[in-house]
Amino acid sequence: MTKTLEVVYDGSVFRPSGPVNLEAGKKYTISVSSPDKDNDVEQDPAFDIASLAVTTDIPDLSTEHDHYLYGLPKRRSP
C-alpha cells in the first residue's frame, strides 16, 4: 500500500496536515521530498529533452516510424 500525505516537520516529528487513516503503533517507512524542489522544472530530467533531438532528413518519420524502426511495409505511398 502506498499513500501520499502532506506533513509539517516541527523540529522533532512529522505532523500530518489531515487525517491519515493508518494503524496506530505500526511501523511505516516514509519518503521525504520538499515541495520547493519539486516545483523547480529545470531540475526535471525531461526539461532539456529537446537538446537530444537530431536531424534525420526523413520527411515521413513520424507517420512511418514502424517502417524505419521495425522494417514493416510503409502504410502510405509517397
PDB file of N, CA and C in Angstrom:
ATOM      1  N   MET A   1       0.844  -1.181   0.000  1.00  0.00           N
ATOM      2  CA  MET A   1       0.000   0.000   0.000  1.00  0.00           C
ATOM      3  C   MET A   1       0.887   1.240   0.000  1.00  0.00           C
ATOM      4  N   THR A   2       0.573   2.183  -0.840  1.00  0.00           N
ATOM      5  CA  THR A   2       1.309   3.440  -0.893  1.00  0.00           C
ATOM      6  C   THR A   2       0.330   4.582  -0.687  1.00  0.00           C
ATOM      7  N   LYS A   3       0.707   5.523   0.171  1.00  0.00           N
ATOM      8  CA  LYS A   3      -0.104   6.718   0.415  1.00  0.00           C
ATOM      9  C   LYS A   3       0.793   7.925   0.335  1.00  0.00           C
ATOM     10  N   THR A   4       0.243   9.023  -0.108  1.00  0.00           N
ATOM     11  CA  THR A   4       0.953  10.292  -0.092  1.00  0.00           C
ATOM     12  C   THR A   4       0.269  11.189   0.922  1.00  0.00           C
ATOM     13  N   LEU A   5       1.040  11.670   1.891  1.00  0.00           N
ATOM     14  CA  LEU A   5       0.499  12.519   2.939  1.00  0.00           C
ATOM     15  C   LEU A   5       1.267  13.833   2.970  1.00  0.00           C
ATOM     16  N   GLU A   6       0.559  14.911   3.192  1.00  0.00           N
ATOM     17  CA  GLU A   6       1.240  16.184   3.404  1.00  0.00           C
ATOM     18  C   GLU A   6       1.480  16.332   4.897  1.00  0.00           C
ATOM     19  N   VAL A   7       2.730  16.643   5.244  1.00  0.00           N
ATOM     20  CA  VAL A   7       3.106  16.751   6.656  1.00  0.00           C
ATOM     21  C   VAL A   7       3.904  18.020   6.888  1.00  0.00           C
ATOM     22  N   VAL A   8       3.984  18.395   8.152  1.00  0.00           N
ATOM     23  CA  VAL A   8       4.810  19.521   8.576  1.00  0.00           C
ATOM     24  C   VAL A   8       5.805  18.979   9.588  1.00  0.00           C
ATOM     25  N   TYR A   9       7.069  19.309   9.397  1.00  0.00           N
ATOM     26  CA  TYR A   9       8.100  18.890  10.344  1.00  0.00           C
ATOM     27  C   TYR A   9       8.245  20.004  11.376  1.00  0.00           C
ATOM     28  N   ASP A  10       8.016  19.697  12.647  1.00  0.00           N
ATOM     29  CA  ASP A  10       8.059  20.740  13.682  1.00  0.00           C
ATOM     30  C   ASP A  10       9.398  20.831  14.401  1.00  0.00           C
ATOM     31  N   GLY A  11      10.409  20.168  13.883  1.00  0.00           N
ATOM     32  CA  GLY A  11      11.730  20.193  14.501  1.00  0.00           C
ATOM     33  C   GLY A  11      12.068  18.884  15.180  1.00  0.00           C
ATOM     34  N   SER A  12      11.056  18.082  15.488  1.00  0.00           N
ATOM     35  CA  SER A  12      11.332  16.779  16.086  1.00  0.00           C
ATOM     36  C   SER A  12      10.460  15.671  15.514  1.00  0.00           C
ATOM     37  N   VAL A  13       9.264  15.996  15.064  1.00  0.00           N
ATOM     38  CA  VAL A  13       8.383  14.974  14.487  1.00  0.00           C
ATOM     39  C   VAL A  13       7.672  15.516  13.256  1.00  0.00           C
ATOM     40  N   PHE A  14       7.213  14.582  12.422  1.00  0.00           N
ATOM     41  CA  PHE A  14       6.381  14.951  11.278  1.00  0.00           C
ATOM     42  C   PHE A  14       4.929  14.912  11.733  1.00  0.00           C
ATOM     43  N   ARG A  15       4.224  15.988  11.484  1.00  0.00           N
ATOM     44  CA  ARG A  15       2.812  16.055  11.864  1.00  0.00           C
ATOM     45  C   ARG A  15       1.964  16.146  10.602  1.00  0.00           C
ATOM     46  N   PRO A  16       1.030  15.190  10.425  1.00  0.00           N
ATOM     47  CA  PRO A  16       0.187  15.222   9.236  1.00  0.00           C
ATOM     48  C   PRO A  16      -0.733  16.440   9.242  1.00  0.00           C
ATOM     49  N   SER A  17      -0.999  16.963   8.057  1.00  0.00           N
ATOM     50  CA  SER A  17      -1.858  18.137   7.959  1.00  0.00           C
ATOM     51  C   SER A  17      -3.328  17.747   7.809  1.00  0.00           C
ATOM     52  N   GLY A  18      -3.636  16.459   7.851  1.00  0.00           N
ATOM     53  CA  GLY A  18      -5.012  15.978   7.766  1.00  0.00           C
ATOM     54  C   GLY A  18      -5.082  14.549   8.260  1.00  0.00           C
ATOM     55  N   PRO A  19      -6.245  13.922   8.126  1.00  0.00           N
ATOM     56  CA  PRO A  19      -6.387  12.534   8.576  1.00  0.00           C
ATOM     57  C   PRO A  19      -5.481  11.598   7.773  1.00  0.00           C
ATOM     58  N   VAL A  20      -4.949  10.574   8.436  1.00  0.00           N
ATOM     59  CA  VAL A  20      -4.007   9.668   7.776  1.00  0.00           C
ATOM     60  C   VAL A  20      -4.545   8.267   7.561  1.00  0.00           C
ATOM     61  N   ASN A  21      -5.507   7.823   8.352  1.00  0.00           N
ATOM     62  CA  ASN A  21      -6.118   6.506   8.209  1.00  0.00           C
ATOM     63  C   ASN A  21      -5.069   5.391   8.185  1.00  0.00           C
ATOM     64  N   LEU A  22      -4.154   5.414   9.158  1.00  0.00           N
ATOM     65  CA  LEU A  22      -3.131   4.379   9.313  1.00  0.00           C
ATOM     66  C   LEU A  22      -3.294   3.739  10.684  1.00  0.00           C
ATOM     67  N   GLU A  23      -2.790   2.523  10.829  1.00  0.00           N
ATOM     68  CA  GLU A  23      -2.891   1.804  12.088  1.00  0.00           C
ATOM     69  C   GLU A  23      -1.893   2.361  13.104  1.00  0.00           C
ATOM     70  N   ALA A  24      -2.386   2.764  14.268  1.00  0.00           N
ATOM     71  CA  ALA A  24      -1.523   3.315  15.319  1.00  0.00           C
ATOM     72  C   ALA A  24      -0.606   2.229  15.865  1.00  0.00           C
ATOM     73  N   GLY A  25       0.662   2.586  16.133  1.00  0.00           N
ATOM     74  CA  GLY A  25       1.622   1.666  16.703  1.00  0.00           C
ATOM     75  C   GLY A  25       2.331   0.796  15.677  1.00  0.00           C
ATOM     76  N   LYS A  26       1.913   0.825  14.432  1.00  0.00           N
ATOM     77  CA  LYS A  26       2.546   0.036  13.386  1.00  0.00           C
ATOM     78  C   LYS A  26       3.681   0.845  12.776  1.00  0.00           C
ATOM     79  N   LYS A  27       4.784   0.170  12.380  1.00  0.00           N
ATOM     80  CA  LYS A  27       5.915   0.860  11.766  1.00  0.00           C
ATOM     81  C   LYS A  27       5.644   1.092  10.283  1.00  0.00           C
ATOM     82  N   TYR A  28       6.036   2.268   9.806  1.00  0.00           N
ATOM     83  CA  TYR A  28       5.899   2.637   8.406  1.00  0.00           C
ATOM     84  C   TYR A  28       7.220   3.226   7.928  1.00  0.00           C
ATOM     85  N   THR A  29       7.474   3.149   6.647  1.00  0.00           N
ATOM     86  CA  THR A  29       8.633   3.787   6.030  1.00  0.00           C
ATOM     87  C   THR A  29       8.133   4.975   5.246  1.00  0.00           C
ATOM     88  N   ILE A  30       8.779   6.130   5.421  1.00  0.00           N
ATOM     89  CA  ILE A  30       8.348   7.323   4.697  1.00  0.00           C
ATOM     90  C   ILE A  30       9.462   7.803   3.772  1.00  0.00           C
ATOM     91  N   SER A  31       9.064   8.434   2.683  1.00  0.00           N
ATOM     92  CA  SER A  31       9.990   9.116   1.782  1.00  0.00           C
ATOM     93  C   SER A  31       9.673  10.588   1.877  1.00  0.00           C
ATOM     94  N   VAL A  32      10.699  11.406   1.929  1.00  0.00           N
ATOM     95  CA  VAL A  32      10.501  12.837   2.124  1.00  0.00           C
ATOM     96  C   VAL A  32      10.963  13.595   0.890  1.00  0.00           C
ATOM     97  N   SER A  33      10.126  14.515   0.416  1.00  0.00           N
ATOM     98  CA  SER A  33      10.521  15.405  -0.672  1.00  0.00           C
ATOM     99  C   SER A  33      10.046  16.805  -0.330  1.00  0.00           C
ATOM    100  N   SER A  34      10.797  17.766  -0.758  1.00  0.00           N
ATOM    101  CA  SER A  34      10.464  19.160  -0.490  1.00  0.00           C
ATOM    102  C   SER A  34       9.660  19.713  -1.652  1.00  0.00           C
ATOM    103  N   PRO A  35       8.516  20.338  -1.391  1.00  0.00           N
ATOM    104  CA  PRO A  35       7.720  20.905  -2.478  1.00  0.00           C
ATOM    105  C   PRO A  35       8.487  21.971  -3.258  1.00  0.00           C
ATOM    106  N   ASP A  36       9.385  22.692  -2.607  1.00  0.00           N
ATOM    107  CA  ASP A  36      10.145  23.730  -3.296  1.00  0.00           C
ATOM    108  C   ASP A  36      10.993  23.125  -4.409  1.00  0.00           C
ATOM    109  N   LYS A  37      11.650  22.009  -4.140  1.00  0.00           N
ATOM    110  CA  LYS A  37      12.485  21.355  -5.149  1.00  0.00           C
ATOM    111  C   LYS A  37      11.626  20.725  -6.240  1.00  0.00           C
ATOM    112  N   ASP A  38      10.476  20.161  -5.855  1.00  0.00           N
ATOM    113  CA  ASP A  38       9.601  19.517  -6.823  1.00  0.00           C
ATOM    114  C   ASP A  38       9.068  20.512  -7.851  1.00  0.00           C
ATOM    115  N   ASN A  39       8.958  21.782  -7.482  1.00  0.00           N
ATOM    116  CA  ASN A  39       8.426  22.786  -8.394  1.00  0.00           C
ATOM    117  C   ASN A  39       9.498  23.385  -9.303  1.00  0.00           C
ATOM    118  N   ASP A  40      10.748  22.992  -9.124  1.00  0.00           N
ATOM    119  CA  ASP A  40      11.828  23.513  -9.955  1.00  0.00           C
ATOM    120  C   ASP A  40      11.904  22.686 -11.229  1.00  0.00           C
ATOM    121  N   VAL A  41      11.205  23.146 -12.280  1.00  0.00           N
ATOM    122  CA  VAL A  41      11.125  22.365 -13.514  1.00  0.00           C
ATOM    123  C   VAL A  41      12.481  22.172 -14.173  1.00  0.00           C
ATOM    124  N   GLU A  42      13.416  23.061 -13.950  1.00  0.00           N
ATOM    125  CA  GLU A  42      14.734  22.908 -14.564  1.00  0.00           C
ATOM    126  C   GLU A  42      15.498  21.719 -13.983  1.00  0.00           C
ATOM    127  N   GLN A  43      15.102  21.215 -12.834  1.00  0.00           N
ATOM    128  CA  GLN A  43      15.741  20.044 -12.244  1.00  0.00           C
ATOM    129  C   GLN A  43      15.129  18.745 -12.764  1.00  0.00           C
ATOM    130  N   ASP A  44      14.028  18.833 -13.469  1.00  0.00           N
ATOM    131  CA  ASP A  44      13.370  17.656 -14.030  1.00  0.00           C
ATOM    132  C   ASP A  44      14.237  17.094 -15.161  1.00  0.00           C
ATOM    133  N   PRO A  45      14.525  15.790 -15.169  1.00  0.00           N
ATOM    134  CA  PRO A  45      15.371  15.210 -16.218  1.00  0.00           C
ATOM    135  C   PRO A  45      14.818  15.423 -17.628  1.00  0.00           C
ATOM    136  N   ALA A  46      13.522  15.583 -17.763  1.00  0.00           N
ATOM    137  CA  ALA A  46      12.924  15.775 -19.089  1.00  0.00           C
ATOM    138  C   ALA A  46      12.930  17.229 -19.535  1.00  0.00           C
ATOM    139  N   PHE A  47      13.392  18.144 -18.682  1.00  0.00           N
ATOM    140  CA  PHE A  47      13.330  19.573 -19.005  1.00  0.00           C
ATOM    141  C   PHE A  47      14.060  19.904 -20.299  1.00  0.00           C
ATOM    142  N   ASP A  48      15.221  19.346 -20.510  1.00  0.00           N
ATOM    143  CA  ASP A  48      16.042  19.704 -21.664  1.00  0.00           C
ATOM    144  C   ASP A  48      16.029  18.599 -22.727  1.00  0.00           C
ATOM    145  N   ILE A  49      14.902  17.915 -22.861  1.00  0.00           N
ATOM    146  CA  ILE A  49      14.828  16.797 -23.800  1.00  0.00           C
ATOM    147  C   ILE A  49      15.019  17.245 -25.246  1.00  0.00           C
ATOM    148  N   ALA A  50      14.667  18.477 -25.552  1.00  0.00           N
ATOM    149  CA  ALA A  50      14.833  18.975 -26.923  1.00  0.00           C
ATOM    150  C   ALA A  50      16.300  18.988 -27.344  1.00  0.00           C
ATOM    151  N   SER A  51      17.210  19.050 -26.389  1.00  0.00           N
ATOM    152  CA  SER A  51      18.626  19.057 -26.744  1.00  0.00           C
ATOM    153  C   SER A  51      19.085  17.709 -27.308  1.00  0.00           C
ATOM    154  N   LEU A  52      18.271  16.665 -27.147  1.00  0.00           N
ATOM    155  CA  LEU A  52      18.615  15.338 -27.654  1.00  0.00           C
ATOM    156  C   LEU A  52      18.134  15.116 -29.086  1.00  0.00           C
ATOM    157  N   ALA A  53      17.375  16.053 -29.619  1.00  0.00           N
ATOM    158  CA  ALA A  53      16.827  15.900 -30.971  1.00  0.00           C
ATOM    159  C   ALA A  53      17.937  15.912 -32.015  1.00  0.00           C
ATOM    160  N   VAL A  54      17.745  15.126 -33.049  1.00  0.00           N
ATOM    161  CA  VAL A  54      18.697  15.070 -34.156  1.00  0.00           C
ATOM    162  C   VAL A  54      17.940  15.261 -35.468  1.00  0.00           C
ATOM    163  N   THR A  55      18.625  15.761 -36.464  1.00  0.00           N
ATOM    164  CA  THR A  55      18.033  15.919 -37.783  1.00  0.00           C
ATOM    165  C   THR A  55      18.236  14.633 -38.558  1.00  0.00           C
ATOM    166  N   THR A  56      17.143  14.036 -39.042  1.00  0.00           N
ATOM    167  CA  THR A  56      17.235  12.775 -39.777  1.00  0.00           C
ATOM    168  C   THR A  56      17.036  12.960 -41.279  1.00  0.00           C
ATOM    169  N   ASP A  57      16.448  14.088 -41.681  1.00  0.00           N
ATOM    170  CA  ASP A  57      16.109  14.328 -43.081  1.00  0.00           C
ATOM    171  C   ASP A  57      15.188  13.251 -43.644  1.00  0.00           C
ATOM    172  N   ILE A  58      14.370  12.650 -42.782  1.00  0.00           N
ATOM    173  CA  ILE A  58      13.357  11.679 -43.218  1.00  0.00           C
ATOM    174  C   ILE A  58      12.007  12.371 -43.040  1.00  0.00           C
ATOM    175  N   PRO A  59      11.392  12.824 -44.125  1.00  0.00           N
ATOM    176  CA  PRO A  59      10.186  13.647 -44.005  1.00  0.00           C
ATOM    177  C   PRO A  59       8.969  12.911 -43.446  1.00  0.00           C
ATOM    178  N   ASP A  60       8.891  11.587 -43.601  1.00  0.00           N
ATOM    179  CA  ASP A  60       7.716  10.869 -43.114  1.00  0.00           C
ATOM    180  C   ASP A  60       8.024  10.016 -41.872  1.00  0.00           C
ATOM    181  N   LEU A  61       9.033  10.375 -41.124  1.00  0.00           N
ATOM    182  CA  LEU A  61       9.449   9.589 -39.960  1.00  0.00           C
ATOM    183  C   LEU A  61       8.327   9.454 -38.927  1.00  0.00           C
ATOM    184  N   SER A  62       7.598  10.524 -38.675  1.00  0.00           N
ATOM    185  CA  SER A  62       6.562  10.451 -37.645  1.00  0.00           C
ATOM    186  C   SER A  62       5.396   9.565 -38.057  1.00  0.00           C
ATOM    187  N   THR A  63       5.073   9.506 -39.332  1.00  0.00           N
ATOM    188  CA  THR A  63       3.942   8.684 -39.770  1.00  0.00           C
ATOM    189  C   THR A  63       4.359   7.268 -40.135  1.00  0.00           C
ATOM    190  N   GLU A  64       5.603   7.062 -40.469  1.00  0.00           N
ATOM    191  CA  GLU A  64       6.084   5.741 -40.897  1.00  0.00           C
ATOM    192  C   GLU A  64       7.153   5.184 -39.956  1.00  0.00           C
ATOM    193  N   HIS A  65       7.073   5.537 -38.669  1.00  0.00           N
ATOM    194  CA  HIS A  65       8.112   5.112 -37.727  1.00  0.00           C
ATOM    195  C   HIS A  65       8.233   3.587 -37.630  1.00  0.00           C
ATOM    196  N   ASP A  66       7.117   2.843 -37.776  1.00  0.00           N
ATOM    197  CA  ASP A  66       7.209   1.380 -37.726  1.00  0.00           C
ATOM    198  C   ASP A  66       8.048   0.836 -38.880  1.00  0.00           C
ATOM    199  N   HIS A  67       7.961   1.486 -40.015  1.00  0.00           N
ATOM    200  CA  HIS A  67       8.772   1.065 -41.161  1.00  0.00           C
ATOM    201  C   HIS A  67      10.265   1.253 -40.858  1.00  0.00           C
ATOM    202  N   TYR A  68      10.624   2.409 -40.321  1.00  0.00           N
ATOM    203  CA  TYR A  68      12.036   2.703 -40.069  1.00  0.00           C
ATOM    204  C   TYR A  68      12.578   1.974 -38.839  1.00  0.00           C
ATOM    205  N   LEU A  69      11.728   1.730 -37.842  1.00  0.00           N
ATOM    206  CA  LEU A  69      12.196   1.042 -36.636  1.00  0.00           C
ATOM    207  C   LEU A  69      12.205  -0.474 -36.786  1.00  0.00           C
ATOM    208  N   TYR A  70      11.135  -1.020 -37.378  1.00  0.00           N
ATOM    209  CA  TYR A  70      10.956  -2.468 -37.372  1.00  0.00           C
ATOM    210  C   TYR A  70      10.989  -3.106 -38.762  1.00  0.00           C
ATOM    211  N   GLY A  71      11.121  -2.299 -39.815  1.00  0.00           N
ATOM    212  CA  GLY A  71      11.192  -2.837 -41.159  1.00  0.00           C
ATOM    213  C   GLY A  71       9.850  -3.239 -41.739  1.00  0.00           C
ATOM    214  N   LEU A  72       8.748  -2.822 -41.118  1.00  0.00           N
ATOM    215  CA  LEU A  72       7.431  -3.135 -41.652  1.00  0.00           C
ATOM    216  C   LEU A  72       7.194  -2.360 -42.942  1.00  0.00           C
ATOM    217  N   PRO A  73       6.294  -2.856 -43.787  1.00  0.00           N
ATOM    218  CA  PRO A  73       5.991  -2.108 -45.014  1.00  0.00           C
ATOM    219  C   PRO A  73       5.412  -0.731 -44.681  1.00  0.00           C
ATOM    220  N   LYS A  74       5.678   0.236 -45.536  1.00  0.00           N
ATOM    221  CA  LYS A  74       5.116   1.570 -45.335  1.00  0.00           C
ATOM    222  C   LYS A  74       3.602   1.505 -45.465  1.00  0.00           C
ATOM    223  N   ARG A  75       2.909   2.304 -44.679  1.00  0.00           N
ATOM    224  CA  ARG A  75       1.455   2.340 -44.720  1.00  0.00           C
ATOM    225  C   ARG A  75       0.958   3.209 -45.858  1.00  0.00           C
ATOM    226  N   ARG A  76       1.732   4.211 -46.239  1.00  0.00           N
ATOM    227  CA  ARG A  76       1.330   5.132 -47.296  1.00  0.00           C
ATOM    228  C   ARG A  76       2.400   5.171 -48.380  1.00  0.00           C
ATOM    229  N   SER A  77       1.969   5.358 -49.591  1.00  0.00           N
ATOM    230  CA  SER A  77       2.932   5.517 -50.686  1.00  0.00           C
ATOM    231  C   SER A  77       3.276   6.987 -50.844  1.00  0.00           C
ATOM    232  N   PRO A  78       4.532   7.303 -51.151  1.00  0.00           N
ATOM    233  CA  PRO A  78       4.911   8.726 -51.292  1.00  0.00           C
ATOM    234  C   PRO A  78       4.277   9.404 -52.481  1.00  0.00           C
TER     235      PRO A  78
END
